[in-house]
Amino acid sequence: MKKEKEMRVIAAVISSVILGSEYGESIRPSIGREEGISWSVSHRRMALGKISLLKARTVRSTKR
């Protein structure tokens, strides 16, 4: 019973935030959650053991 009440409160809060915006838009992620510039994306890829972004882009392109 308590869990059901908590879920209703959470649903009410989420819907009020979405409906309460001035323009009727849904919640957008913050700027810090965006992908970032190519340099930082490439370095994160290499830190995870993947190939750099520049190399990944050239592999996909066709040779002319």
PDB file of N, CA and C in Angstrom:
ATOM      1  N   MET A   1       0.823  -1.193   0.000  1.00  0.00           N
ATOM      2  CA  MET A   1       0.000   0.000   0.000  1.00  0.00           C
ATOM      3  C   MET A   1       0.870   1.260   0.000  1.00  0.00           C
ATOM      4  N   LYS A   2       1.911   1.261   0.817  1.00  0.00           N
ATOM      5  CA  LYS A   2       2.788   2.420   0.907  1.00  0.00           C
ATOM      6  C   LYS A   2       3.519   2.635  -0.417  1.00  0.00           C
ATOM      7  N   LYS A   3       3.946   1.556  -1.062  1.00  0.00           N
ATOM      8  CA  LYS A   3       4.653   1.638  -2.333  1.00  0.00           C
ATOM      9  C   LYS A   3       3.751   2.252  -3.414  1.00  0.00           C
ATOM     10  N   GLU A   4       2.488   1.854  -3.415  1.00  0.00           N
ATOM     11  CA  GLU A   4       1.532   2.383  -4.394  1.00  0.00           C
ATOM     12  C   GLU A   4       1.335   3.892  -4.199  1.00  0.00           C
ATOM     13  N   LYS A   5       1.272   4.326  -2.948  1.00  0.00           N
ATOM     14  CA  LYS A   5       1.099   5.749  -2.660  1.00  0.00           C
ATOM     15  C   LYS A   5       2.323   6.543  -3.110  1.00  0.00           C
ATOM     16  N   GLU A   6       3.514   6.001  -2.877  1.00  0.00           N
ATOM     17  CA  GLU A   6       4.741   6.661  -3.317  1.00  0.00           C
ATOM     18  C   GLU A   6       4.777   6.793  -4.834  1.00  0.00           C
ATOM     19  N   MET A   7       4.370   5.748  -5.541  1.00  0.00           N
ATOM     20  CA  MET A   7       4.366   5.788  -7.000  1.00  0.00           C
ATOM     21  C   MET A   7       3.379   6.835  -7.523  1.00  0.00           C
ATOM     22  N   ARG A   8       2.236   6.976  -6.866  1.00  0.00           N
ATOM     23  CA  ARG A   8       1.262   8.000  -7.268  1.00  0.00           C
ATOM     24  C   ARG A   8       1.815   9.401  -7.053  1.00  0.00           C
ATOM     25  N   VAL A   9       2.509   9.596  -5.939  1.00  0.00           N
ATOM     26  CA  VAL A   9       3.103  10.906  -5.665  1.00  0.00           C
ATOM     27  C   VAL A   9       4.170  11.225  -6.707  1.00  0.00           C
ATOM     28  N   ILE A  10       4.993  10.255  -7.028  1.00  0.00           N
ATOM     29  CA  ILE A  10       6.041  10.462  -8.034  1.00  0.00           C
ATOM     30  C   ILE A  10       5.415  10.788  -9.388  1.00  0.00           C
ATOM     31  N   ALA A  11       4.385  10.064  -9.775  1.00  0.00           N
ATOM     32  CA  ALA A  11       3.699  10.327 -11.041  1.00  0.00           C
ATOM     33  C   ALA A  11       3.078  11.721 -11.049  1.00  0.00           C
ATOM     34  N   ALA A  12       2.502  12.138  -9.931  1.00  0.00           N
ATOM     35  CA  ALA A  12       1.895  13.469  -9.840  1.00  0.00           C
ATOM     36  C   ALA A  12       2.947  14.563  -9.972  1.00  0.00           C
ATOM     37  N   VAL A  13       4.101  14.368  -9.352  1.00  0.00           N
ATOM     38  CA  VAL A  13       5.176  15.360  -9.425  1.00  0.00           C
ATOM     39  C   VAL A  13       5.701  15.465 -10.845  1.00  0.00           C
ATOM     40  N   ILE A  14       5.939  14.341 -11.480  1.00  0.00           N
ATOM     41  CA  ILE A  14       6.457  14.356 -12.853  1.00  0.00           C
ATOM     42  C   ILE A  14       5.461  15.030 -13.793  1.00  0.00           C
ATOM     43  N   SER A  15       4.190  14.684 -13.680  1.00  0.00           N
ATOM     44  CA  SER A  15       3.196  15.284 -14.572  1.00  0.00           C
ATOM     45  C   SER A  15       3.029  16.777 -14.309  1.00  0.00           C
ATOM     46  N   SER A  16       3.143  17.199 -13.060  1.00  0.00           N
ATOM     47  CA  SER A  16       3.014  18.632 -12.775  1.00  0.00           C
ATOM     48  C   SER A  16       4.193  19.420 -13.329  1.00  0.00           C
ATOM     49  N   VAL A  17       5.377  18.830 -13.311  1.00  0.00           N
ATOM     50  CA  VAL A  17       6.544  19.509 -13.878  1.00  0.00           C
ATOM     51  C   VAL A  17       6.394  19.628 -15.387  1.00  0.00           C
ATOM     52  N   ILE A  18       5.959  18.566 -16.028  1.00  0.00           N
ATOM     53  CA  ILE A  18       5.798  18.606 -17.486  1.00  0.00           C
ATOM     54  C   ILE A  18       4.691  19.580 -17.873  1.00  0.00           C
ATOM     55  N   LEU A  19       3.572  19.527 -17.191  1.00  0.00           N
ATOM     56  CA  LEU A  19       2.451  20.404 -17.516  1.00  0.00           C
ATOM     57  C   LEU A  19       2.695  21.838 -17.063  1.00  0.00           C
ATOM     58  N   GLY A  20       3.552  22.027 -16.102  1.00  0.00           N
ATOM     59  CA  GLY A  20       3.781  23.350 -15.540  1.00  0.00           C
ATOM     60  C   GLY A  20       4.725  24.224 -16.322  1.00  0.00           C
ATOM     61  N   SER A  21       5.380  23.699 -17.336  1.00  0.00           N
ATOM     62  CA  SER A  21       6.292  24.545 -18.096  1.00  0.00           C
ATOM     63  C   SER A  21       5.501  25.569 -18.895  1.00  0.00           C
ATOM     64  N   GLU A  22       6.097  26.683 -19.158  1.00  0.00           N
ATOM     65  CA  GLU A  22       5.404  27.786 -19.821  1.00  0.00           C
ATOM     66  C   GLU A  22       4.977  27.440 -21.240  1.00  0.00           C
ATOM     67  N   TYR A  23       5.794  26.679 -21.933  1.00  0.00           N
ATOM     68  CA  TYR A  23       5.549  26.415 -23.341  1.00  0.00           C
ATOM     69  C   TYR A  23       5.014  25.019 -23.616  1.00  0.00           C
ATOM     70  N   GLY A  24       4.771  24.244 -22.592  1.00  0.00           N
ATOM     71  CA  GLY A  24       4.260  22.899 -22.775  1.00  0.00           C
ATOM     72  C   GLY A  24       5.309  21.921 -23.257  1.00  0.00           C
ATOM     73  N   GLU A  25       6.583  22.284 -23.098  1.00  0.00           N
ATOM     74  CA  GLU A  25       7.663  21.409 -23.533  1.00  0.00           C
ATOM     75  C   GLU A  25       7.954  20.377 -22.457  1.00  0.00           C
ATOM     76  N   SER A  26       8.512  19.267 -22.871  1.00  0.00           N
ATOM     77  CA  SER A  26       8.924  18.268 -21.897  1.00  0.00           C
ATOM     78  C   SER A  26      10.282  18.661 -21.309  1.00  0.00           C
ATOM     79  N   ILE A  27      10.709  17.948 -20.311  1.00  0.00           N
ATOM     80  CA  ILE A  27      11.965  18.243 -19.633  1.00  0.00           C
ATOM     81  C   ILE A  27      13.133  17.956 -20.577  1.00  0.00           C
ATOM     82  N   ARG A  28      14.038  18.916 -20.686  1.00  0.00           N
ATOM     83  CA  ARG A  28      15.233  18.747 -21.511  1.00  0.00           C
ATOM     84  C   ARG A  28      16.437  18.459 -20.626  1.00  0.00           C
ATOM     85  N   PRO A  29      17.399  17.676 -21.119  1.00  0.00           N
ATOM     86  CA  PRO A  29      18.605  17.439 -20.315  1.00  0.00           C
ATOM     87  C   PRO A  29      19.427  18.716 -20.183  1.00  0.00           C
ATOM     88  N   SER A  30      20.212  18.794 -19.142  1.00  0.00           N
ATOM     89  CA  SER A  30      21.035  19.974 -18.927  1.00  0.00           C
ATOM     90  C   SER A  30      22.174  20.019 -19.944  1.00  0.00           C
ATOM     91  N   ILE A  31      22.812  21.175 -20.053  1.00  0.00           N
ATOM     92  CA  ILE A  31      23.899  21.375 -21.008  1.00  0.00           C
ATOM     93  C   ILE A  31      25.050  20.403 -20.728  1.00  0.00           C
ATOM     94  N   GLY A  32      25.292  20.107 -19.476  1.00  0.00           N
ATOM     95  CA  GLY A  32      26.377  19.208 -19.110  1.00  0.00           C
ATOM     96  C   GLY A  32      26.186  17.780 -19.590  1.00  0.00           C
ATOM     97  N   ARG A  33      24.970  17.425 -19.981  1.00  0.00           N
ATOM     98  CA  ARG A  33      24.699  16.073 -20.466  1.00  0.00           C
ATOM     99  C   ARG A  33      24.811  15.959 -21.978  1.00  0.00           C
ATOM    100  N   GLU A  34      25.097  17.046 -22.660  1.00  0.00           N
ATOM    101  CA  GLU A  34      25.265  16.985 -24.105  1.00  0.00           C
ATOM    102  C   GLU A  34      26.569  16.278 -24.452  1.00  0.00           C
ATOM    103  N   GLU A  35      26.706  15.922 -25.704  1.00  0.00           N
ATOM    104  CA  GLU A  35      27.842  15.114 -26.134  1.00  0.00           C
ATOM    105  C   GLU A  35      29.174  15.835 -25.978  1.00  0.00           C
ATOM    106  N   GLY A  36      29.245  17.104 -26.312  1.00  0.00           N
ATOM    107  CA  GLY A  36      30.483  17.857 -26.189  1.00  0.00           C
ATOM    108  C   GLY A  36      31.173  18.039 -27.531  1.00  0.00           C
ATOM    109  N   ILE A  37      32.328  18.708 -27.490  1.00  0.00           N
ATOM    110  CA  ILE A  37      33.069  18.949 -28.732  1.00  0.00           C
ATOM    111  C   ILE A  37      33.775  17.672 -29.165  1.00  0.00           C
ATOM    112  N   SER A  38      34.164  17.639 -30.433  1.00  0.00           N
ATOM    113  CA  SER A  38      34.776  16.430 -30.996  1.00  0.00           C
ATOM    114  C   SER A  38      36.026  16.004 -30.241  1.00  0.00           C
ATOM    115  N   TRP A  39      36.802  16.976 -29.779  1.00  0.00           N
ATOM    116  CA  TRP A  39      38.033  16.653 -29.060  1.00  0.00           C
ATOM    117  C   TRP A  39      37.728  15.831 -27.812  1.00  0.00           C
ATOM    118  N   SER A  40      36.757  16.269 -27.018  1.00  0.00           N
ATOM    119  CA  SER A  40      36.453  15.554 -25.784  1.00  0.00           C
ATOM    120  C   SER A  40      35.793  14.206 -26.062  1.00  0.00           C
ATOM    121  N   VAL A  41      34.964  14.139 -27.101  1.00  0.00           N
ATOM    122  CA  VAL A  41      34.339  12.867 -27.480  1.00  0.00           C
ATOM    123  C   VAL A  41      35.413  11.867 -27.884  1.00  0.00           C
ATOM    124  N   SER A  42      36.380  12.328 -28.685  1.00  0.00           N
ATOM    125  CA  SER A  42      37.454  11.457 -29.144  1.00  0.00           C
ATOM    126  C   SER A  42      38.288  10.947 -27.975  1.00  0.00           C
ATOM    127  N   HIS A  43      38.602  11.814 -27.031  1.00  0.00           N
ATOM    128  CA  HIS A  43      39.413  11.396 -25.891  1.00  0.00           C
ATOM    129  C   HIS A  43      38.661  10.433 -24.970  1.00  0.00           C
ATOM    130  N   ARG A  44      37.351  10.634 -24.819  1.00  0.00           N
ATOM    131  CA  ARG A  44      36.569   9.679 -24.032  1.00  0.00           C
ATOM    132  C   ARG A  44      36.540   8.321 -24.719  1.00  0.00           C
ATOM    133  N   ARG A  45      36.424   8.317 -26.052  1.00  0.00           N
ATOM    134  CA  ARG A  45      36.422   7.055 -26.794  1.00  0.00           C
ATOM    135  C   ARG A  45      37.749   6.316 -26.596  1.00  0.00           C
ATOM    136  N   MET A  46      38.852   7.043 -26.704  1.00  0.00           N
ATOM    137  CA  MET A  46      40.163   6.407 -26.552  1.00  0.00           C
ATOM    138  C   MET A  46      40.388   5.927 -25.123  1.00  0.00           C
ATOM    139  N   ALA A  47      39.836   6.634 -24.155  1.00  0.00           N
ATOM    140  CA  ALA A  47      39.970   6.211 -22.759  1.00  0.00           C
ATOM    141  C   ALA A  47      39.217   4.907 -22.509  1.00  0.00           C
ATOM    142  N   LEU A  48      38.168   4.660 -23.296  1.00  0.00           N
ATOM    143  CA  LEU A  48      37.400   3.423 -23.173  1.00  0.00           C
ATOM    144  C   LEU A  48      37.971   2.296 -24.033  1.00  0.00           C
ATOM    145  N   GLY A  49      39.073   2.570 -24.731  1.00  0.00           N
ATOM    146  CA  GLY A  49      39.711   1.538 -25.538  1.00  0.00           C
ATOM    147  C   GLY A  49      39.208   1.461 -26.966  1.00  0.00           C
ATOM    148  N   LYS A  50      38.419   2.431 -27.390  1.00  0.00           N
ATOM    149  CA  LYS A  50      37.926   2.452 -28.766  1.00  0.00           C
ATOM    150  C   LYS A  50      38.871   3.278 -29.625  1.00  0.00           C
ATOM    151  N   ILE A  51      38.653   3.237 -30.939  1.00  0.00           N
ATOM    152  CA  ILE A  51      39.490   4.050 -31.828  1.00  0.00           C
ATOM    153  C   ILE A  51      39.048   5.504 -31.755  1.00  0.00           C
ATOM    154  N   SER A  52      39.937   6.414 -32.151  1.00  0.00           N
ATOM    155  CA  SER A  52      39.619   7.835 -32.072  1.00  0.00           C
ATOM    156  C   SER A  52      38.475   8.191 -33.012  1.00  0.00           C
ATOM    157  N   LEU A  53      37.840   9.299 -32.752  1.00  0.00           N
ATOM    158  CA  LEU A  53      36.700   9.736 -33.547  1.00  0.00           C
ATOM    159  C   LEU A  53      37.113  10.028 -34.984  1.00  0.00           C
ATOM    160  N   LEU A  54      38.286  10.622 -35.179  1.00  0.00           N
ATOM    161  CA  LEU A  54      38.762  10.924 -36.528  1.00  0.00           C
ATOM    162  C   LEU A  54      38.943   9.650 -37.338  1.00  0.00           C
ATOM    163  N   LYS A  55      39.552   8.645 -36.737  1.00  0.00           N
ATOM    164  CA  LYS A  55      39.760   7.382 -37.433  1.00  0.00           C
ATOM    165  C   LYS A  55      38.432   6.674 -37.700  1.00  0.00           C
ATOM    166  N   ALA A  56      37.513   6.737 -36.747  1.00  0.00           N
ATOM    167  CA  ALA A  56      36.202   6.109 -36.930  1.00  0.00           C
ATOM    168  C   ALA A  56      35.445   6.759 -38.072  1.00  0.00           C
ATOM    169  N   ARG A  57      35.568   8.066 -38.206  1.00  0.00           N
ATOM    170  CA  ARG A  57      34.877   8.775 -39.292  1.00  0.00           C
ATOM    171  C   ARG A  57      35.504   8.459 -40.643  1.00  0.00           C
ATOM    172  N   THR A  58      36.820   8.326 -40.712  1.00  0.00           N
ATOM    173  CA  THR A  58      37.461   8.048 -41.996  1.00  0.00           C
ATOM    174  C   THR A  58      37.232   6.612 -42.437  1.00  0.00           C
ATOM    175  N   VAL A  59      37.075   5.701 -41.504  1.00  0.00           N
ATOM    176  CA  VAL A  59      36.804   4.301 -41.852  1.00  0.00           C
ATOM    177  C   VAL A  59      35.453   4.178 -42.523  1.00  0.00           C
ATOM    178  N   ARG A  60      34.474   4.943 -42.093  1.00  0.00           N
ATOM    179  CA  ARG A  60      33.135   4.871 -42.643  1.00  0.00           C
ATOM    180  C   ARG A  60      33.036   5.519 -44.017  1.00  0.00           C
ATOM    181  N   SER A  61      33.881   6.518 -44.291  1.00  0.00           N
ATOM    182  CA  SER A  61      33.752   7.246 -45.552  1.00  0.00           C
ATOM    183  C   SER A  61      34.255   6.406 -46.717  1.00  0.00           C
ATOM    184  N   THR A  62      33.749   6.711 -47.895  1.00  0.00           N
ATOM    185  CA  THR A  62      34.178   5.991 -49.084  1.00  0.00           C
ATOM    186  C   THR A  62      35.451   6.598 -49.623  1.00  0.00           C
ATOM    187  N   LYS A  63      36.270   5.769 -50.192  1.00  0.00           N
ATOM    188  CA  LYS A  63      37.530   6.233 -50.799  1.00  0.00           C
ATOM    189  C   LYS A  63      37.229   6.664 -52.232  1.00  0.00           C
ATOM    190  N   ARG A  64      37.624   7.850 -52.578  1.00  0.00           N
ATOM    191  CA  ARG A  64      37.385   8.341 -53.945  1.00  0.00           C
ATOM    192  C   ARG A  64      38.684   8.623 -54.637  1.00  0.00           C
TER     193      ARG A  64
END
